[in-house]
Amino acid sequence: MSADALTPAEAARWAARSGLPLAPERHAAVAATAGHIHSVVSLLRELDFGDTPPSAAYRAGEEPDRAAV
């Protein structure tokens, strides 16, 4: 995350707003996990899928076998 990383206190506040109160000893772990998820999602957003069709266009079992023995 950037300079505005989620603090343990903010993680607790957001969790409470969502109806998921956290025990005080979990605040730091939840903030760290949220930071990690944010960094992974940020990397995924940078991927260029180009002409990749949406998943709804894929039909399992209809592709030709290309395996070699």
Protein backbone atom coordinates (compact mmCIF):
# COMPACT_ATOMS: atom_id res chain seq x y z
CA MET A 1 0.00 0.00 0.00
CA SER A 2 0.99 3.60 -0.26
CA ALA A 3 1.70 6.13 2.47
CA ASP A 4 -1.96 5.94 3.43
CA ALA A 5 -1.67 2.30 4.53
CA LEU A 6 -4.40 0.92 6.73
CA THR A 7 -3.52 1.24 10.40
CA PRO A 8 -4.63 -1.31 13.00
CA ALA A 9 -7.06 1.24 14.47
CA GLU A 10 -8.58 1.92 11.04
CA ALA A 11 -8.89 -1.81 10.37
CA ALA A 12 -10.80 -2.20 13.62
CA ARG A 13 -13.05 0.75 12.78
CA TRP A 14 -13.85 -0.54 9.29
CA ALA A 15 -14.48 -4.04 10.60
CA ALA A 16 -16.86 -2.69 13.25
CA ARG A 17 -18.69 -0.63 10.60
CA SER A 18 -19.15 -3.85 8.63
CA GLY A 19 -20.62 -5.63 11.64
CA LEU A 20 -17.47 -7.68 12.31
CA PRO A 21 -16.03 -6.48 15.61
CA LEU A 22 -12.44 -7.59 16.10
CA ALA A 23 -10.65 -8.57 19.27
CA PRO A 24 -7.89 -6.02 19.99
CA GLU A 25 -5.13 -8.58 19.45
CA ARG A 26 -6.31 -9.10 15.84
CA HIS A 27 -6.22 -5.46 14.71
CA ALA A 28 -2.60 -5.52 13.51
CA ALA A 29 -2.96 -8.87 11.74
CA VAL A 30 -6.11 -7.75 9.91
CA ALA A 31 -4.44 -4.48 8.84
CA ALA A 32 -1.41 -6.41 7.54
CA THR A 33 -3.62 -8.89 5.67
CA ALA A 34 -5.63 -6.07 4.11
CA GLY A 35 -2.37 -4.42 3.01
CA HIS A 36 -1.20 -7.64 1.39
CA ILE A 37 -4.50 -8.14 -0.43
CA HIS A 38 -4.36 -4.55 -1.65
CA SER A 39 -0.84 -5.02 -3.03
CA VAL A 40 -1.82 -8.23 -4.87
CA VAL A 41 -4.95 -6.64 -6.36
CA SER A 42 -2.87 -3.63 -7.44
CA LEU A 43 -0.54 -5.93 -9.37
CA LEU A 44 -3.45 -7.74 -10.99
CA ARG A 45 -4.92 -4.44 -12.15
CA GLU A 46 -1.70 -3.72 -14.04
CA LEU A 47 -1.97 -6.87 -16.19
CA ASP A 48 -2.81 -6.36 -19.84
CA PHE A 49 -5.16 -9.08 -21.01
CA GLY A 50 -5.34 -7.65 -24.52
CA ASP A 51 -7.63 -9.75 -26.68
CA THR A 52 -8.37 -12.36 -24.03
CA PRO A 53 -12.08 -13.21 -24.24
CA PRO A 54 -14.17 -13.11 -21.08
CA SER A 55 -14.50 -16.34 -19.12
CA ALA A 56 -18.10 -16.75 -20.28
CA ALA A 57 -16.76 -17.41 -23.80
CA TYR A 58 -14.75 -20.46 -22.64
CA ARG A 59 -16.34 -23.88 -23.14
CA ALA A 60 -14.59 -26.70 -21.30
CA GLY A 61 -13.98 -29.80 -23.37
CA GLU A 62 -14.38 -28.07 -26.73
CA GLU A 63 -10.71 -27.24 -27.24
CA PRO A 64 -8.58 -29.65 -29.34
CA ASP A 65 -6.15 -31.95 -27.55
CA ARG A 66 -2.59 -30.77 -28.03
CA ALA A 67 -0.82 -33.23 -25.78
CA ALA A 68 2.19 -35.13 -26.99
CA VAL A 69 3.53 -38.33 -25.50
